[in-house]
């Protein structure tokens, strides 16, 4: 895949390194040419000097044939402008932007731009580490408002149904791993001893989940 990264800060450099190791063709854009030194001597991609939301700069970076673009500068506004330009004007299939303000992240997602909010995700992870939690967070969705978690089935829920571990709009069972195989449950699925349960929970749903697990 041909991927453009707008911003050569720490996140941009790390992202470029990971994607290059996975065999992708990488182009990095930054208006400060000295930042390209951070990429190191092993970087084999293309470096373009310029502002990431300038159409001419994006064209020089090869956006017309790009498979993806990540806007990860230190400016929320610059990231979103670059992302919208890539998605709406150049029709890049995969576009994402880093947005520090979680409130803005939700607004931009309504425009069809996938965003990552380090503040929301970091806060969620720190809260998890600082509290005693019966489950493990394995993935964050959106800006961190929803977590995908996994937990070993408590003995008290053996034989109970999926609905006994759900709260409308806050907690939902999305998958069950049983005897090494993962499947999507239905309303008639009953839990068995040894099940590993995967749930989608909101930040508010975490506290309300504990009573369902018999931990209130």
C-alpha atoms as a PDB file:
ATOM      1  CA  UNK A   1       0.000   0.000   0.000  1.00  0.00           C
ATOM      2  CA  UNK A   2       1.030   3.610  -0.623  1.00  0.00           C
ATOM      3  CA  UNK A   3       0.519   5.619   2.541  1.00  0.00           C
ATOM      4  CA  UNK A   4       1.091   9.309   3.238  1.00  0.00           C
ATOM      5  CA  UNK A   5       1.882  10.519   6.734  1.00  0.00           C
ATOM      6  CA  UNK A   6       1.377  14.222   7.408  1.00  0.00           C
ATOM      7  CA  UNK A   7       3.604  15.243  10.314  1.00  0.00           C
ATOM      8  CA  UNK A   8       7.064  14.016  11.233  1.00  0.00           C
ATOM      9  CA  UNK A   9       6.815  14.259  14.993  1.00  0.00           C
ATOM     10  CA  UNK A  10       7.251  11.304  17.341  1.00  0.00           C
ATOM     11  CA  UNK A  11       3.954   9.695  16.328  1.00  0.00           C
ATOM     12  CA  UNK A  12       4.583  10.255  12.633  1.00  0.00           C
ATOM     13  CA  UNK A  13       8.067   8.741  12.862  1.00  0.00           C
ATOM     14  CA  UNK A  14       6.839   5.745  14.829  1.00  0.00           C
ATOM     15  CA  UNK A  15       3.951   5.196  12.425  1.00  0.00           C
ATOM     16  CA  UNK A  16       6.272   5.443   9.415  1.00  0.00           C
ATOM     17  CA  UNK A  17       8.638   2.916  10.973  1.00  0.00           C
ATOM     18  CA  UNK A  18       5.886   0.401  11.706  1.00  0.00           C
ATOM     19  CA  UNK A  19       4.257   0.703   8.293  1.00  0.00           C
ATOM     20  CA  UNK A  20       7.582   0.440   6.478  1.00  0.00           C
ATOM     21  CA  UNK A  21       8.382  -2.740   8.423  1.00  0.00           C
ATOM     22  CA  UNK A  22       5.054  -4.131   7.184  1.00  0.00           C
ATOM     23  CA  UNK A  23       6.122  -3.569   3.592  1.00  0.00           C
ATOM     24  CA  UNK A  24       4.177  -0.421   2.740  1.00  0.00           C
ATOM     25  CA  UNK A  25       5.470   2.472   0.629  1.00  0.00           C
ATOM     26  CA  UNK A  26       5.618   5.534   2.862  1.00  0.00           C
ATOM     27  CA  UNK A  27       5.727   9.243   2.101  1.00  0.00           C
ATOM     28  CA  UNK A  28       6.156  11.704   4.977  1.00  0.00           C
ATOM     29  CA  UNK A  29       5.168  15.371   4.710  1.00  0.00           C
ATOM     30  CA  UNK A  30       6.424  18.096   7.063  1.00  0.00           C
ATOM     31  CA  UNK A  31       7.034  21.805   6.645  1.00  0.00           C
ATOM     32  CA  UNK A  32      10.240  21.589   8.709  1.00  0.00           C
ATOM     33  CA  UNK A  33      12.895  19.626   6.773  1.00  0.00           C
ATOM     34  CA  UNK A  34      15.009  19.109   9.901  1.00  0.00           C
ATOM     35  CA  UNK A  35      12.335  16.784  11.335  1.00  0.00           C
ATOM     36  CA  UNK A  36      13.107  14.206   8.648  1.00  0.00           C
ATOM     37  CA  UNK A  37      16.335  13.402  10.518  1.00  0.00           C
ATOM     38  CA  UNK A  38      14.146  11.614  13.068  1.00  0.00           C
ATOM     39  CA  UNK A  39      13.272   8.984  10.477  1.00  0.00           C
ATOM     40  CA  UNK A  40      16.827   7.629  10.614  1.00  0.00           C
ATOM     41  CA  UNK A  41      19.031   6.100   7.938  1.00  0.00           C
ATOM     42  CA  UNK A  42      16.856   3.023   7.445  1.00  0.00           C
ATOM     43  CA  UNK A  43      13.874   4.994   6.172  1.00  0.00           C
ATOM     44  CA  UNK A  44      13.430   4.162   2.497  1.00  0.00           C
ATOM     45  CA  UNK A  45      10.361   6.232   1.777  1.00  0.00           C
ATOM     46  CA  UNK A  46       9.821   9.639   0.261  1.00  0.00           C
ATOM     47  CA  UNK A  47      10.136  12.959   2.132  1.00  0.00           C
ATOM     48  CA  UNK A  48       8.147  15.995   1.022  1.00  0.00           C
ATOM     49  CA  UNK A  49       8.650  19.478   2.447  1.00  0.00           C
ATOM     50  CA  UNK A  50       5.484  21.525   2.749  1.00  0.00           C
ATOM     51  CA  UNK A  51       2.189  22.073   4.520  1.00  0.00           C
ATOM     52  CA  UNK A  52       0.129  18.904   4.709  1.00  0.00           C
ATOM     53  CA  UNK A  53      -3.161  20.484   3.670  1.00  0.00           C
ATOM     54  CA  UNK A  54      -1.740  22.219   0.600  1.00  0.00           C
ATOM     55  CA  UNK A  55      -3.110  20.526  -2.533  1.00  0.00           C
ATOM     56  CA  UNK A  56       0.093  20.981  -4.497  1.00  0.00           C
ATOM     57  CA  UNK A  57       2.126  19.470  -1.666  1.00  0.00           C
ATOM     58  CA  UNK A  58      -0.227  16.501  -1.442  1.00  0.00           C
ATOM     59  CA  UNK A  59      -0.003  15.966  -5.185  1.00  0.00           C
ATOM     60  CA  UNK A  60       3.802  15.995  -4.977  1.00  0.00           C
ATOM     61  CA  UNK A  61       3.478  13.397  -2.246  1.00  0.00           C
ATOM     62  CA  UNK A  62       1.499  11.158  -4.607  1.00  0.00           C
ATOM     63  CA  UNK A  63      -1.928  11.466  -3.028  1.00  0.00           C
ATOM     64  CA  UNK A  64      -3.680  10.775  -6.329  1.00  0.00           C
ATOM     65  CA  UNK A  65      -2.474   7.174  -6.094  1.00  0.00           C
ATOM     66  CA  UNK A  66      -2.413   6.854  -2.303  1.00  0.00           C
ATOM     67  CA  UNK A  67      -4.205   4.047  -0.481  1.00  0.00           C
ATOM     68  CA  UNK A  68      -4.194   5.814   2.851  1.00  0.00           C
ATOM     69  CA  UNK A  69      -3.336   9.025   4.694  1.00  0.00           C
ATOM     70  CA  UNK A  70      -2.700   9.718   8.367  1.00  0.00           C
ATOM     71  CA  UNK A  71      -2.625  13.328   9.563  1.00  0.00           C
ATOM     72  CA  UNK A  72      -0.666  13.406  12.815  1.00  0.00           C
ATOM     73  CA  UNK A  73       0.718  16.929  13.215  1.00  0.00           C
ATOM     74  CA  UNK A  74       0.473  18.818  16.526  1.00  0.00           C
ATOM     75  CA  UNK A  75      -2.500  20.843  15.225  1.00  0.00           C
ATOM     76  CA  UNK A  76      -6.034  19.420  15.381  1.00  0.00           C
ATOM     77  CA  UNK A  77      -7.223  21.883  12.752  1.00  0.00           C
ATOM     78  CA  UNK A  78      -4.395  21.121  10.320  1.00  0.00           C
ATOM     79  CA  UNK A  79      -4.961  17.392  10.731  1.00  0.00           C
ATOM     80  CA  UNK A  80      -8.662  17.624  10.030  1.00  0.00           C
ATOM     81  CA  UNK A  81      -8.230  19.914   7.002  1.00  0.00           C
ATOM     82  CA  UNK A  82      -5.653  17.523   5.521  1.00  0.00           C
ATOM     83  CA  UNK A  83      -7.867  14.529   6.258  1.00  0.00           C
ATOM     84  CA  UNK A  84     -10.995  16.088   4.745  1.00  0.00           C
ATOM     85  CA  UNK A  85      -9.072  17.152   1.666  1.00  0.00           C
ATOM     86  CA  UNK A  86      -7.687  13.639   1.230  1.00  0.00           C
ATOM     87  CA  UNK A  87     -11.059  11.959   1.706  1.00  0.00           C
ATOM     88  CA  UNK A  88     -13.443  14.315  -0.043  1.00  0.00           C
ATOM     89  CA  UNK A  89     -11.331  15.803  -2.830  1.00  0.00           C
ATOM     90  CA  UNK A  90      -8.743  13.126  -3.615  1.00  0.00           C
ATOM     91  CA  UNK A  91     -10.995  10.179  -2.613  1.00  0.00           C
ATOM     92  CA  UNK A  92      -8.278   8.397  -0.623  1.00  0.00           C
ATOM     93  CA  UNK A  93      -9.836   5.118   0.646  1.00  0.00           C
ATOM     94  CA  UNK A  94      -8.368   5.139   4.166  1.00  0.00           C
ATOM     95  CA  UNK A  95      -7.966   8.407   6.051  1.00  0.00           C
ATOM     96  CA  UNK A  96      -7.398   9.061   9.739  1.00  0.00           C
ATOM     97  CA  UNK A  97      -6.440  12.049  11.873  1.00  0.00           C
ATOM     98  CA  UNK A  98      -5.043  12.549  15.351  1.00  0.00           C
ATOM     99  CA  UNK A  99      -7.217  14.957  17.339  1.00  0.00           C
ATOM    100  CA  UNK A 100      -6.240  15.956  20.866  1.00  0.00           C
ATOM    101  CA  UNK A 101      -9.623  17.352  21.883  1.00  0.00           C
ATOM    102  CA  UNK A 102     -12.074  14.440  22.420  1.00  0.00           C
ATOM    103  CA  UNK A 103     -15.049  16.769  21.834  1.00  0.00           C
ATOM    104  CA  UNK A 104     -13.739  17.752  18.421  1.00  0.00           C
ATOM    105  CA  UNK A 105     -13.011  14.117  17.605  1.00  0.00           C
ATOM    106  CA  UNK A 106     -16.700  13.254  17.796  1.00  0.00           C
ATOM    107  CA  UNK A 107     -17.659  16.190  15.580  1.00  0.00           C
ATOM    108  CA  UNK A 108     -15.106  15.228  12.941  1.00  0.00           C
ATOM    109  CA  UNK A 109     -16.252  11.615  12.948  1.00  0.00           C
ATOM    110  CA  UNK A 110     -19.662  12.884  11.888  1.00  0.00           C
ATOM    111  CA  UNK A 111     -17.955  14.201   8.757  1.00  0.00           C
ATOM    112  CA  UNK A 112     -16.775  10.669   8.037  1.00  0.00           C
ATOM    113  CA  UNK A 113     -13.211  11.179   9.265  1.00  0.00           C
ATOM    114  CA  UNK A 114     -11.765   8.455  11.456  1.00  0.00           C
ATOM    115  CA  UNK A 115     -10.028  10.091  14.409  1.00  0.00           C
ATOM    116  CA  UNK A 116      -7.776   9.013  17.234  1.00  0.00           C
ATOM    117  CA  UNK A 117      -7.809  11.027  20.461  1.00  0.00           C
ATOM    118  CA  UNK A 118      -4.694  10.299  22.570  1.00  0.00           C
ATOM    119  CA  UNK A 119      -6.233  12.209  25.479  1.00  0.00           C
ATOM    120  CA  UNK A 120      -9.357  10.063  25.637  1.00  0.00           C
ATOM    121  CA  UNK A 121      -7.542   6.793  25.011  1.00  0.00           C
ATOM    122  CA  UNK A 122      -4.742   7.636  27.446  1.00  0.00           C
ATOM    123  CA  UNK A 123      -7.157   8.655  30.185  1.00  0.00           C
ATOM    124  CA  UNK A 124      -9.142   5.461  29.736  1.00  0.00           C
ATOM    125  CA  UNK A 125      -5.997   3.345  29.961  1.00  0.00           C
ATOM    126  CA  UNK A 126      -4.677   5.192  33.024  1.00  0.00           C
ATOM    127  CA  UNK A 127      -8.018   4.813  34.765  1.00  0.00           C
ATOM    128  CA  UNK A 128      -7.872   1.098  34.078  1.00  0.00           C
ATOM    129  CA  UNK A 129      -4.363   0.807  35.538  1.00  0.00           C
ATOM    130  CA  UNK A 130      -5.275   2.819  38.631  1.00  0.00           C
ATOM    131  CA  UNK A 131      -8.421   0.890  39.476  1.00  0.00           C
ATOM    132  CA  UNK A 132      -9.181  -2.699  40.300  1.00  0.00           C
ATOM    133  CA  UNK A 133     -10.936  -4.029  37.246  1.00  0.00           C
ATOM    134  CA  UNK A 134     -12.461  -7.479  36.662  1.00  0.00           C
ATOM    135  CA  UNK A 135     -11.805  -7.235  32.935  1.00  0.00           C
ATOM    136  CA  UNK A 136      -8.995  -6.468  30.502  1.00  0.00           C
ATOM    137  CA  UNK A 137      -9.290  -3.731  27.893  1.00  0.00           C
ATOM    138  CA  UNK A 138      -8.119  -5.082  24.531  1.00  0.00           C
ATOM    139  CA  UNK A 139      -9.232  -2.321  22.147  1.00  0.00           C
ATOM    140  CA  UNK A 140     -10.588   1.235  22.103  1.00  0.00           C
ATOM    141  CA  UNK A 141     -13.249   2.291  19.627  1.00  0.00           C
ATOM    142  CA  UNK A 142     -13.641   5.840  18.356  1.00  0.00           C
ATOM    143  CA  UNK A 143     -11.973   8.383  20.619  1.00  0.00           C
ATOM    144  CA  UNK A 144     -11.952   6.052  23.590  1.00  0.00           C
ATOM    145  CA  UNK A 145     -15.644   6.343  24.461  1.00  0.00           C
ATOM    146  CA  UNK A 146     -16.163   2.601  23.989  1.00  0.00           C
ATOM    147  CA  UNK A 147     -13.826  -0.188  25.078  1.00  0.00           C
ATOM    148  CA  UNK A 148     -13.755  -3.773  23.904  1.00  0.00           C
ATOM    149  CA  UNK A 149     -12.921  -5.825  26.980  1.00  0.00           C
ATOM    150  CA  UNK A 150     -12.513  -9.464  27.857  1.00  0.00           C
ATOM    151  CA  UNK A 151     -13.116 -11.323  31.089  1.00  0.00           C
ATOM    152  CA  UNK A 152     -13.223 -14.866  32.338  1.00  0.00           C
ATOM    153  CA  UNK A 153     -16.783 -15.890  33.060  1.00  0.00           C
ATOM    154  CA  UNK A 154     -17.576 -15.683  36.796  1.00  0.00           C
ATOM    155  CA  UNK A 155     -18.929 -18.915  38.226  1.00  0.00           C
ATOM    156  CA  UNK A 156     -22.138 -17.083  39.196  1.00  0.00           C
ATOM    157  CA  UNK A 157     -23.003 -16.587  35.511  1.00  0.00           C
ATOM    158  CA  UNK A 158     -22.607 -20.202  34.405  1.00  0.00           C
ATOM    159  CA  UNK A 159     -25.804 -21.298  32.704  1.00  0.00           C
ATOM    160  CA  UNK A 160     -27.117 -17.738  32.491  1.00  0.00           C
ATOM    161  CA  UNK A 161     -27.996 -16.049  29.203  1.00  0.00           C
ATOM    162  CA  UNK A 162     -26.440 -13.242  27.180  1.00  0.00           C
ATOM    163  CA  UNK A 163     -29.124 -10.824  28.340  1.00  0.00           C
ATOM    164  CA  UNK A 164     -27.964 -11.267  31.942  1.00  0.00           C
ATOM    165  CA  UNK A 165     -24.701  -9.542  31.038  1.00  0.00           C
ATOM    166  CA  UNK A 166     -26.074  -6.587  29.096  1.00  0.00           C
ATOM    167  CA  UNK A 167     -27.199  -3.031  29.771  1.00  0.00           C
ATOM    168  CA  UNK A 168     -28.894  -1.249  26.890  1.00  0.00           C
ATOM    169  CA  UNK A 169     -26.600   1.371  25.432  1.00  0.00           C
ATOM    170  CA  UNK A 170     -23.797   0.676  27.909  1.00  0.00           C
ATOM    171  CA  UNK A 171     -22.766  -2.996  28.011  1.00  0.00           C
ATOM    172  CA  UNK A 172     -23.123  -5.548  25.196  1.00  0.00           C
ATOM    173  CA  UNK A 173     -21.661  -9.035  24.765  1.00  0.00           C
ATOM    174  CA  UNK A 174     -20.038  -9.128  21.317  1.00  0.00           C
ATOM    175  CA  UNK A 175     -18.262 -12.496  21.288  1.00  0.00           C
ATOM    176  CA  UNK A 176     -17.543 -15.595  23.359  1.00  0.00           C
ATOM    177  CA  UNK A 177     -14.462 -17.782  23.221  1.00  0.00           C
ATOM    178  CA  UNK A 178     -15.184 -21.372  24.213  1.00  0.00           C
ATOM    179  CA  UNK A 179     -12.750 -24.300  23.990  1.00  0.00           C
ATOM    180  CA  UNK A 180     -10.398 -22.190  21.897  1.00  0.00           C
ATOM    181  CA  UNK A 181     -13.021 -21.103  19.354  1.00  0.00           C
ATOM    182  CA  UNK A 182     -14.601 -17.649  19.195  1.00  0.00           C
ATOM    183  CA  UNK A 183     -18.179 -17.134  18.014  1.00  0.00           C
ATOM    184  CA  UNK A 184     -20.867 -14.456  17.939  1.00  0.00           C
ATOM    185  CA  UNK A 185     -23.578 -15.279  20.472  1.00  0.00           C
ATOM    186  CA  UNK A 186     -27.321 -14.828  20.022  1.00  0.00           C
ATOM    187  CA  UNK A 187     -30.093 -14.166  22.522  1.00  0.00           C
ATOM    188  CA  UNK A 188     -30.399 -17.884  23.197  1.00  0.00           C
ATOM    189  CA  UNK A 189     -26.721 -18.462  23.993  1.00  0.00           C
ATOM    190  CA  UNK A 190     -26.052 -19.640  27.544  1.00  0.00           C
ATOM    191  CA  UNK A 191     -22.709 -19.203  29.253  1.00  0.00           C
ATOM    192  CA  UNK A 192     -20.583 -22.220  30.147  1.00  0.00           C
ATOM    193  CA  UNK A 193     -17.770 -22.679  32.616  1.00  0.00           C
ATOM    194  CA  UNK A 194     -14.461 -21.554  31.165  1.00  0.00           C
ATOM    195  CA  UNK A 195     -15.957 -19.080  28.684  1.00  0.00           C
ATOM    196  CA  UNK A 196     -13.914 -16.011  27.834  1.00  0.00           C
ATOM    197  CA  UNK A 197     -16.426 -13.226  27.240  1.00  0.00           C
ATOM    198  CA  UNK A 198     -15.783 -10.175  25.062  1.00  0.00           C
ATOM    199  CA  UNK A 199     -17.908  -7.108  25.703  1.00  0.00           C
ATOM    200  CA  UNK A 200     -18.303  -3.593  24.359  1.00  0.00           C
ATOM    201  CA  UNK A 201     -18.723  -1.131  27.231  1.00  0.00           C
ATOM    202  CA  UNK A 202     -18.993   2.633  27.524  1.00  0.00           C
ATOM    203  CA  UNK A 203     -17.114   4.592  30.190  1.00  0.00           C
ATOM    204  CA  UNK A 204     -20.297   4.762  32.253  1.00  0.00           C
ATOM    205  CA  UNK A 205     -21.033   1.089  31.668  1.00  0.00           C
ATOM    206  CA  UNK A 206     -17.855  -0.029  33.434  1.00  0.00           C
ATOM    207  CA  UNK A 207     -19.202   0.785  36.889  1.00  0.00           C
ATOM    208  CA  UNK A 208     -22.613  -0.702  36.124  1.00  0.00           C
ATOM    209  CA  UNK A 209     -21.032  -3.930  34.891  1.00  0.00           C
ATOM    210  CA  UNK A 210     -19.637  -4.845  38.301  1.00  0.00           C
ATOM    211  CA  UNK A 211     -23.009  -5.697  39.901  1.00  0.00           C
ATOM    212  CA  UNK A 212     -23.802  -7.985  36.966  1.00  0.00           C
ATOM    213  CA  UNK A 213     -20.579  -9.843  37.733  1.00  0.00           C
ATOM    214  CA  UNK A 214     -21.507 -10.142  41.390  1.00  0.00           C
ATOM    215  CA  UNK A 215     -18.816  -7.663  42.433  1.00  0.00           C
ATOM    216  CA  UNK A 216     -20.977  -4.841  43.767  1.00  0.00           C
END
